[in-house]
Amino acid sequence: MGPILTEDQATNLARGFTNEDIIRAVFSIPSNKAPSSYGFNSTFFKESWRIMGEDVCKVGQSFFETGQLLKEVNYAKLTLIPKVQHP
């Protein structure tokens, strides 16, 4: 059996996230990393935080409370690349 969490560790893992937690997470991402499916990397979010930060936190809090993401956020793009010489 692996390591067992203490009661304090388990409680800490189950606690909710604050807006400060979300802000720390967003601003901890290197600026040239984590491009979104629509092409913006973390620099976009950092530079426009004054305008949209409150909404980003609301979406994050909603997800942590309900387990549901907006359908616009929760999707993936698939690109099929044929494995032939001349597709």
PDB file of N, CA and C in Angstrom:
ATOM      1  N   MET A   1       0.851  -1.173   0.000  1.00  0.00           N
ATOM      2  CA  MET A   1       0.000   0.000   0.000  1.00  0.00           C
ATOM      3  C   MET A   1       0.896   1.236   0.000  1.00  0.00           C
ATOM      4  N   GLY A   2       0.461   2.266  -0.717  1.00  0.00           N
ATOM      5  CA  GLY A   2       1.230   3.494  -0.828  1.00  0.00           C
ATOM      6  C   GLY A   2       1.059   4.383   0.384  1.00  0.00           C
ATOM      7  N   PRO A   3       1.628   5.565   0.332  1.00  0.00           N
ATOM      8  CA  PRO A   3       1.520   6.509   1.444  1.00  0.00           C
ATOM      9  C   PRO A   3       0.060   6.888   1.717  1.00  0.00           C
ATOM     10  N   ILE A   4      -0.243   7.135   2.955  1.00  0.00           N
ATOM     11  CA  ILE A   4      -1.588   7.519   3.368  1.00  0.00           C
ATOM     12  C   ILE A   4      -1.558   8.986   3.777  1.00  0.00           C
ATOM     13  N   LEU A   5      -2.559   9.733   3.323  1.00  0.00           N
ATOM     14  CA  LEU A   5      -2.633  11.151   3.664  1.00  0.00           C
ATOM     15  C   LEU A   5      -3.034  11.332   5.119  1.00  0.00           C
ATOM     16  N   THR A   6      -2.497  12.376   5.707  1.00  0.00           N
ATOM     17  CA  THR A   6      -2.962  12.750   7.041  1.00  0.00           C
ATOM     18  C   THR A   6      -4.337  13.389   6.889  1.00  0.00           C
ATOM     19  N   GLU A   7      -5.042  13.562   7.981  1.00  0.00           N
ATOM     20  CA  GLU A   7      -6.362  14.189   7.932  1.00  0.00           C
ATOM     21  C   GLU A   7      -6.248  15.626   7.403  1.00  0.00           C
ATOM     22  N   ASP A   8      -5.208  16.354   7.819  1.00  0.00           N
ATOM     23  CA  ASP A   8      -5.009  17.727   7.332  1.00  0.00           C
ATOM     24  C   ASP A   8      -4.753  17.761   5.823  1.00  0.00           C
ATOM     25  N   GLN A   9      -3.948  16.818   5.336  1.00  0.00           N
ATOM     26  CA  GLN A   9      -3.666  16.769   3.900  1.00  0.00           C
ATOM     27  C   GLN A   9      -4.935  16.460   3.109  1.00  0.00           C
ATOM     28  N   ALA A  10      -5.732  15.523   3.580  1.00  0.00           N
ATOM     29  CA  ALA A  10      -6.975  15.159   2.897  1.00  0.00           C
ATOM     30  C   ALA A  10      -7.950  16.329   2.898  1.00  0.00           C
ATOM     31  N   THR A  11      -8.048  17.033   4.016  1.00  0.00           N
ATOM     32  CA  THR A  11      -8.930  18.197   4.105  1.00  0.00           C
ATOM     33  C   THR A  11      -8.475  19.287   3.154  1.00  0.00           C
ATOM     34  N   ASN A  12      -7.173  19.515   3.074  1.00  0.00           N
ATOM     35  CA  ASN A  12      -6.631  20.537   2.180  1.00  0.00           C
ATOM     36  C   ASN A  12      -6.919  20.204   0.718  1.00  0.00           C
ATOM     37  N   LEU A  13      -6.835  18.922   0.352  1.00  0.00           N
ATOM     38  CA  LEU A  13      -7.118  18.520  -1.025  1.00  0.00           C
ATOM     39  C   LEU A  13      -8.589  18.700  -1.380  1.00  0.00           C
ATOM     40  N   ALA A  14      -9.472  18.574  -0.400  1.00  0.00           N
ATOM     41  CA  ALA A  14     -10.908  18.656  -0.652  1.00  0.00           C
ATOM     42  C   ALA A  14     -11.456  20.078  -0.563  1.00  0.00           C
ATOM     43  N   ARG A  15     -10.643  21.022  -0.105  1.00  0.00           N
ATOM     44  CA  ARG A  15     -11.149  22.392   0.044  1.00  0.00           C
ATOM     45  C   ARG A  15     -11.367  23.028  -1.317  1.00  0.00           C
ATOM     46  N   GLY A  16     -12.186  24.051  -1.343  1.00  0.00           N
ATOM     47  CA  GLY A  16     -12.448  24.768  -2.579  1.00  0.00           C
ATOM     48  C   GLY A  16     -11.267  25.621  -2.989  1.00  0.00           C
ATOM     49  N   PHE A  17     -11.356  26.149  -4.194  1.00  0.00           N
ATOM     50  CA  PHE A  17     -10.329  27.040  -4.707  1.00  0.00           C
ATOM     51  C   PHE A  17     -10.797  28.473  -4.571  1.00  0.00           C
ATOM     52  N   THR A  18      -9.894  29.348  -4.281  1.00  0.00           N
ATOM     53  CA  THR A  18     -10.215  30.770  -4.195  1.00  0.00           C
ATOM     54  C   THR A  18      -9.831  31.437  -5.511  1.00  0.00           C
ATOM     55  N   ASN A  19     -10.311  32.662  -5.692  1.00  0.00           N
ATOM     56  CA  ASN A  19      -9.885  33.417  -6.873  1.00  0.00           C
ATOM     57  C   ASN A  19      -8.378  33.621  -6.862  1.00  0.00           C
ATOM     58  N   GLU A  20      -7.811  33.792  -5.676  1.00  0.00           N
ATOM     59  CA  GLU A  20      -6.354  33.954  -5.572  1.00  0.00           C
ATOM     60  C   GLU A  20      -5.632  32.698  -6.066  1.00  0.00           C
ATOM     61  N   ASP A  21      -6.192  31.506  -5.778  1.00  0.00           N
ATOM     62  CA  ASP A  21      -5.603  30.261  -6.273  1.00  0.00           C
ATOM     63  C   ASP A  21      -5.608  30.238  -7.798  1.00  0.00           C
ATOM     64  N   ILE A  22      -6.727  30.656  -8.382  1.00  0.00           N
ATOM     65  CA  ILE A  22      -6.858  30.666  -9.839  1.00  0.00           C
ATOM     66  C   ILE A  22      -5.885  31.672 -10.447  1.00  0.00           C
ATOM     67  N   ILE A  23      -5.802  32.856  -9.857  1.00  0.00           N
ATOM     68  CA  ILE A  23      -4.884  33.886 -10.352  1.00  0.00           C
ATOM     69  C   ILE A  23      -3.442  33.396 -10.278  1.00  0.00           C
ATOM     70  N   ARG A  24      -3.067  32.791  -9.152  1.00  0.00           N
ATOM     71  CA  ARG A  24      -1.704  32.260  -9.004  1.00  0.00           C
ATOM     72  C   ARG A  24      -1.416  31.214 -10.073  1.00  0.00           C
ATOM     73  N   ALA A  25      -2.403  30.350 -10.349  1.00  0.00           N
ATOM     74  CA  ALA A  25      -2.202  29.301 -11.349  1.00  0.00           C
ATOM     75  C   ALA A  25      -2.012  29.904 -12.740  1.00  0.00           C
ATOM     76  N   VAL A  26      -2.874  30.855 -13.115  1.00  0.00           N
ATOM     77  CA  VAL A  26      -2.767  31.467 -14.439  1.00  0.00           C
ATOM     78  C   VAL A  26      -1.425  32.179 -14.598  1.00  0.00           C
ATOM     79  N   PHE A  27      -1.040  32.954 -13.595  1.00  0.00           N
ATOM     80  CA  PHE A  27       0.184  33.740 -13.719  1.00  0.00           C
ATOM     81  C   PHE A  27       1.448  32.907 -13.500  1.00  0.00           C
ATOM     82  N   SER A  28       1.308  31.657 -13.089  1.00  0.00           N
ATOM     83  CA  SER A  28       2.488  30.794 -12.937  1.00  0.00           C
ATOM     84  C   SER A  28       2.853  30.092 -14.247  1.00  0.00           C
ATOM     85  N   ILE A  29       1.952  30.152 -15.241  1.00  0.00           N
ATOM     86  CA  ILE A  29       2.223  29.504 -16.524  1.00  0.00           C
ATOM     87  C   ILE A  29       3.210  30.383 -17.297  1.00  0.00           C
ATOM     88  N   PRO A  30       4.310  29.810 -17.799  1.00  0.00           N
ATOM     89  CA  PRO A  30       5.243  30.613 -18.594  1.00  0.00           C
ATOM     90  C   PRO A  30       4.507  31.301 -19.747  1.00  0.00           C
ATOM     91  N   SER A  31       4.888  32.519 -20.053  1.00  0.00           N
ATOM     92  CA  SER A  31       4.144  33.350 -21.010  1.00  0.00           C
ATOM     93  C   SER A  31       4.047  32.771 -22.407  1.00  0.00           C
ATOM     94  N   ASN A  32       4.990  31.975 -22.825  1.00  0.00           N
ATOM     95  CA  ASN A  32       4.937  31.420 -24.180  1.00  0.00           C
ATOM     96  C   ASN A  32       4.382  29.997 -24.196  1.00  0.00           C
ATOM     97  N   LYS A  33       3.743  29.572 -23.123  1.00  0.00           N
ATOM     98  CA  LYS A  33       3.250  28.199 -23.022  1.00  0.00           C
ATOM     99  C   LYS A  33       1.735  28.163 -23.006  1.00  0.00           C
ATOM    100  N   ALA A  34       1.209  26.964 -23.073  1.00  0.00           N
ATOM    101  CA  ALA A  34      -0.208  26.657 -22.915  1.00  0.00           C
ATOM    102  C   ALA A  34      -1.111  27.363 -23.917  1.00  0.00           C
ATOM    103  N   PRO A  35      -0.855  27.205 -25.228  1.00  0.00           N
ATOM    104  CA  PRO A  35      -1.793  27.806 -26.172  1.00  0.00           C
ATOM    105  C   PRO A  35      -3.154  27.128 -26.058  1.00  0.00           C
ATOM    106  N   SER A  36      -4.197  27.913 -26.125  1.00  0.00           N
ATOM    107  CA  SER A  36      -5.543  27.363 -26.056  1.00  0.00           C
ATOM    108  C   SER A  36      -5.935  26.830 -27.428  1.00  0.00           C
ATOM    109  N   SER A  37      -7.091  26.212 -27.502  1.00  0.00           N
ATOM    110  CA  SER A  37      -7.538  25.647 -28.777  1.00  0.00           C
ATOM    111  C   SER A  37      -7.785  26.732 -29.816  1.00  0.00           C
ATOM    112  N   TYR A  38      -7.969  27.972 -29.377  1.00  0.00           N
ATOM    113  CA  TYR A  38      -8.182  29.064 -30.322  1.00  0.00           C
ATOM    114  C   TYR A  38      -6.911  29.884 -30.522  1.00  0.00           C
ATOM    115  N   GLY A  39      -5.767  29.400 -30.035  1.00  0.00           N
ATOM    116  CA  GLY A  39      -4.490  29.982 -30.378  1.00  0.00           C
ATOM    117  C   GLY A  39      -3.872  30.957 -29.396  1.00  0.00           C
ATOM    118  N   PHE A  40      -4.592  31.374 -28.368  1.00  0.00           N
ATOM    119  CA  PHE A  40      -4.028  32.319 -27.408  1.00  0.00           C
ATOM    120  C   PHE A  40      -3.206  31.578 -26.363  1.00  0.00           C
ATOM    121  N   ASN A  41      -2.023  32.097 -26.056  1.00  0.00           N
ATOM    122  CA  ASN A  41      -1.235  31.488 -24.991  1.00  0.00           C
ATOM    123  C   ASN A  41      -1.473  32.258 -23.694  1.00  0.00           C
ATOM    124  N   SER A  42      -0.757  31.921 -22.646  1.00  0.00           N
ATOM    125  CA  SER A  42      -1.015  32.539 -21.347  1.00  0.00           C
ATOM    126  C   SER A  42      -0.718  34.039 -21.332  1.00  0.00           C
ATOM    127  N   THR A  43       0.122  34.530 -22.255  1.00  0.00           N
ATOM    128  CA  THR A  43       0.383  35.963 -22.321  1.00  0.00           C
ATOM    129  C   THR A  43      -0.916  36.736 -22.568  1.00  0.00           C
ATOM    130  N   PHE A  44      -1.764  36.202 -23.431  1.00  0.00           N
ATOM    131  CA  PHE A  44      -3.044  36.857 -23.711  1.00  0.00           C
ATOM    132  C   PHE A  44      -3.853  37.049 -22.433  1.00  0.00           C
ATOM    133  N   PHE A  45      -3.958  35.993 -21.639  1.00  0.00           N
ATOM    134  CA  PHE A  45      -4.749  36.072 -20.412  1.00  0.00           C
ATOM    135  C   PHE A  45      -4.106  37.012 -19.395  1.00  0.00           C
ATOM    136  N   LYS A  46      -2.797  36.969 -19.305  1.00  0.00           N
ATOM    137  CA  LYS A  46      -2.103  37.848 -18.352  1.00  0.00           C
ATOM    138  C   LYS A  46      -2.262  39.316 -18.738  1.00  0.00           C
ATOM    139  N   GLU A  47      -2.103  39.626 -20.021  1.00  0.00           N
ATOM    140  CA  GLU A  47      -2.171  41.005 -20.486  1.00  0.00           C
ATOM    141  C   GLU A  47      -3.591  41.574 -20.422  1.00  0.00           C
ATOM    142  N   SER A  48      -4.591  40.713 -20.552  1.00  0.00           N
ATOM    143  CA  SER A  48      -5.978  41.204 -20.545  1.00  0.00           C
ATOM    144  C   SER A  48      -6.690  40.886 -19.231  1.00  0.00           C
ATOM    145  N   TRP A  49      -5.934  40.542 -18.198  1.00  0.00           N
ATOM    146  CA  TRP A  49      -6.521  40.123 -16.926  1.00  0.00           C
ATOM    147  C   TRP A  49      -7.445  41.194 -16.337  1.00  0.00           C
ATOM    148  N   ARG A  50      -7.077  42.474 -16.444  1.00  0.00           N
ATOM    149  CA  ARG A  50      -7.926  43.548 -15.891  1.00  0.00           C
ATOM    150  C   ARG A  50      -9.306  43.527 -16.518  1.00  0.00           C
ATOM    151  N   ILE A  51      -9.397  43.126 -17.770  1.00  0.00           N
ATOM    152  CA  ILE A  51     -10.670  43.130 -18.497  1.00  0.00           C
ATOM    153  C   ILE A  51     -11.457  41.852 -18.231  1.00  0.00           C
ATOM    154  N   MET A  52     -10.794  40.716 -18.266  1.00  0.00           N
ATOM    155  CA  MET A  52     -11.520  39.454 -18.207  1.00  0.00           C
ATOM    156  C   MET A  52     -11.196  38.563 -17.021  1.00  0.00           C
ATOM    157  N   GLY A  53     -10.335  39.003 -16.120  1.00  0.00           N
ATOM    158  CA  GLY A  53      -9.941  38.172 -14.992  1.00  0.00           C
ATOM    159  C   GLY A  53     -11.100  37.735 -14.121  1.00  0.00           C
ATOM    160  N   GLU A  54     -12.031  38.655 -13.858  1.00  0.00           N
ATOM    161  CA  GLU A  54     -13.187  38.309 -13.027  1.00  0.00           C
ATOM    162  C   GLU A  54     -14.013  37.198 -13.677  1.00  0.00           C
ATOM    163  N   ASP A  55     -14.194  37.280 -14.996  1.00  0.00           N
ATOM    164  CA  ASP A  55     -14.946  36.242 -15.701  1.00  0.00           C
ATOM    165  C   ASP A  55     -14.208  34.905 -15.701  1.00  0.00           C
ATOM    166  N   VAL A  56     -12.887  34.950 -15.864  1.00  0.00           N
ATOM    167  CA  VAL A  56     -12.100  33.713 -15.819  1.00  0.00           C
ATOM    168  C   VAL A  56     -12.263  33.052 -14.450  1.00  0.00           C
ATOM    169  N   CYS A  57     -12.210  33.849 -13.394  1.00  0.00           N
ATOM    170  CA  CYS A  57     -12.387  33.302 -12.042  1.00  0.00           C
ATOM    171  C   CYS A  57     -13.784  32.734 -11.860  1.00  0.00           C
ATOM    172  N   LYS A  58     -14.805  33.411 -12.401  1.00  0.00           N
ATOM    173  CA  LYS A  58     -16.179  32.906 -12.296  1.00  0.00           C
ATOM    174  C   LYS A  58     -16.325  31.564 -12.993  1.00  0.00           C
ATOM    175  N   VAL A  59     -15.736  31.440 -14.178  1.00  0.00           N
ATOM    176  CA  VAL A  59     -15.795  30.170 -14.906  1.00  0.00           C
ATOM    177  C   VAL A  59     -15.063  29.085 -14.118  1.00  0.00           C
ATOM    178  N   GLY A  60     -13.895  29.431 -13.578  1.00  0.00           N
ATOM    179  CA  GLY A  60     -13.140  28.461 -12.774  1.00  0.00           C
ATOM    180  C   GLY A  60     -13.909  28.034 -11.534  1.00  0.00           C
ATOM    181  N   GLN A  61     -14.472  28.992 -10.813  1.00  0.00           N
ATOM    182  CA  GLN A  61     -15.234  28.668  -9.605  1.00  0.00           C
ATOM    183  C   GLN A  61     -16.448  27.810  -9.948  1.00  0.00           C
ATOM    184  N   SER A  62     -17.130  28.147 -11.028  1.00  0.00           N
ATOM    185  CA  SER A  62     -18.295  27.371 -11.452  1.00  0.00           C
ATOM    186  C   SER A  62     -17.912  25.924 -11.730  1.00  0.00           C
ATOM    187  N   PHE A  63     -16.765  25.741 -12.408  1.00  0.00           N
ATOM    188  CA  PHE A  63     -16.314  24.378 -12.688  1.00  0.00           C
ATOM    189  C   PHE A  63     -16.041  23.610 -11.400  1.00  0.00           C
ATOM    190  N   PHE A  64     -15.352  24.255 -10.451  1.00  0.00           N
ATOM    191  CA  PHE A  64     -15.008  23.557  -9.210  1.00  0.00           C
ATOM    192  C   PHE A  64     -16.240  23.250  -8.376  1.00  0.00           C
ATOM    193  N   GLU A  65     -17.294  24.058  -8.502  1.00  0.00           N
ATOM    194  CA  GLU A  65     -18.520  23.822  -7.743  1.00  0.00           C
ATOM    195  C   GLU A  65     -19.423  22.786  -8.398  1.00  0.00           C
ATOM    196  N   THR A  66     -19.494  22.789  -9.743  1.00  0.00           N
ATOM    197  CA  THR A  66     -20.455  21.931 -10.439  1.00  0.00           C
ATOM    198  C   THR A  66     -19.823  20.759 -11.181  1.00  0.00           C
ATOM    199  N   GLY A  67     -18.527  20.861 -11.499  1.00  0.00           N
ATOM    200  CA  GLY A  67     -17.883  19.823 -12.303  1.00  0.00           C
ATOM    201  C   GLY A  67     -18.201  19.953 -13.783  1.00  0.00           C
ATOM    202  N   GLN A  68     -18.877  21.031 -14.175  1.00  0.00           N
ATOM    203  CA  GLN A  68     -19.270  21.247 -15.567  1.00  0.00           C
ATOM    204  C   GLN A  68     -18.517  22.449 -16.135  1.00  0.00           C
ATOM    205  N   LEU A  69     -18.056  22.302 -17.367  1.00  0.00           N
ATOM    206  CA  LEU A  69     -17.432  23.413 -18.077  1.00  0.00           C
ATOM    207  C   LEU A  69     -18.389  23.919 -19.139  1.00  0.00           C
ATOM    208  N   LEU A  70     -18.262  25.195 -19.479  1.00  0.00           N
ATOM    209  CA  LEU A  70     -19.025  25.706 -20.615  1.00  0.00           C
ATOM    210  C   LEU A  70     -18.687  24.868 -21.835  1.00  0.00           C
ATOM    211  N   LYS A  71     -19.676  24.582 -22.665  1.00  0.00           N
ATOM    212  CA  LYS A  71     -19.389  23.758 -23.850  1.00  0.00           C
ATOM    213  C   LYS A  71     -18.343  24.423 -24.740  1.00  0.00           C
ATOM    214  N   GLU A  72     -18.284  25.761 -24.724  1.00  0.00           N
ATOM    215  CA  GLU A  72     -17.299  26.467 -25.534  1.00  0.00           C
ATOM    216  C   GLU A  72     -15.873  26.229 -25.038  1.00  0.00           C
ATOM    217  N   VAL A  73     -15.713  25.891 -23.775  1.00  0.00           N
ATOM    218  CA  VAL A  73     -14.391  25.649 -23.197  1.00  0.00           C
ATOM    219  C   VAL A  73     -14.032  24.170 -23.302  1.00  0.00           C
ATOM    220  N   ASN A  74     -15.014  23.323 -23.180  1.00  0.00           N
ATOM    221  CA  ASN A  74     -14.796  21.886 -23.068  1.00  0.00           C
ATOM    222  C   ASN A  74     -14.913  21.190 -24.428  1.00  0.00           C
ATOM    223  N   TYR A  75     -13.969  21.444 -25.302  1.00  0.00           N
ATOM    224  CA  TYR A  75     -13.945  20.759 -26.579  1.00  0.00           C
ATOM    225  C   TYR A  75     -12.503  20.596 -27.032  1.00  0.00           C
ATOM    226  N   ALA A  76     -12.335  19.737 -28.003  1.00  0.00           N
ATOM    227  CA  ALA A  76     -10.989  19.498 -28.529  1.00  0.00           C
ATOM    228  C   ALA A  76     -11.040  19.523 -30.048  1.00  0.00           C
ATOM    229  N   LYS A  77      -9.943  19.881 -30.650  1.00  0.00           N
ATOM    230  CA  LYS A  77      -9.824  19.821 -32.102  1.00  0.00           C
ATOM    231  C   LYS A  77      -8.989  18.604 -32.456  1.00  0.00           C
ATOM    232  N   LEU A  78      -9.432  17.858 -33.431  1.00  0.00           N
ATOM    233  CA  LEU A  78      -8.674  16.715 -33.922  1.00  0.00           C
ATOM    234  C   LEU A  78      -8.252  16.997 -35.355  1.00  0.00           C
ATOM    235  N   THR A  79      -7.026  16.681 -35.656  1.00  0.00           N
ATOM    236  CA  THR A  79      -6.537  16.810 -37.014  1.00  0.00           C
ATOM    237  C   THR A  79      -5.998  15.456 -37.426  1.00  0.00           C
ATOM    238  N   LEU A  80      -6.549  14.957 -38.505  1.00  0.00           N
ATOM    239  CA  LEU A  80      -6.099  13.667 -39.004  1.00  0.00           C
ATOM    240  C   LEU A  80      -5.026  13.904 -40.062  1.00  0.00           C
ATOM    241  N   ILE A  81      -3.910  13.243 -39.895  1.00  0.00           N
ATOM    242  CA  ILE A  81      -2.802  13.386 -40.833  1.00  0.00           C
ATOM    243  C   ILE A  81      -2.585  12.030 -41.513  1.00  0.00           C
ATOM    244  N   PRO A  82      -2.881  11.964 -42.814  1.00  0.00           N
ATOM    245  CA  PRO A  82      -2.721  10.682 -43.500  1.00  0.00           C
ATOM    246  C   PRO A  82      -1.251  10.239 -43.501  1.00  0.00           C
ATOM    247  N   LYS A  83      -1.062   8.939 -43.351  1.00  0.00           N
ATOM    248  CA  LYS A  83       0.293   8.390 -43.355  1.00  0.00           C
ATOM    249  C   LYS A  83       0.606   7.796 -44.720  1.00  0.00           C
ATOM    250  N   VAL A  84       0.550   8.668 -45.726  1.00  0.00           N
ATOM    251  CA  VAL A  84       0.885   8.256 -47.075  1.00  0.00           C
ATOM    252  C   VAL A  84       1.819   9.288 -47.672  1.00  0.00           C
ATOM    253  N   GLN A  85       2.531   8.908 -48.718  1.00  0.00           N
ATOM    254  CA  GLN A  85       3.487   9.810 -49.351  1.00  0.00           C
ATOM    255  C   GLN A  85       2.820  11.054 -49.932  1.00  0.00           C
ATOM    256  N   HIS A  86       1.711  10.863 -50.672  1.00  0.00           N
ATOM    257  CA  HIS A  86       1.052  11.976 -51.363  1.00  0.00           C
ATOM    258  C   HIS A  86      -0.432  11.962 -51.041  1.00  0.00           C
ATOM    259  N   PRO A  87      -0.813  12.547 -49.923  1.00  0.00           N
ATOM    260  CA  PRO A  87      -2.235  12.516 -49.529  1.00  0.00           C
ATOM    261  C   PRO A  87      -3.097  13.327 -50.493  1.00  0.00           C
TER     262      PRO A  87
END
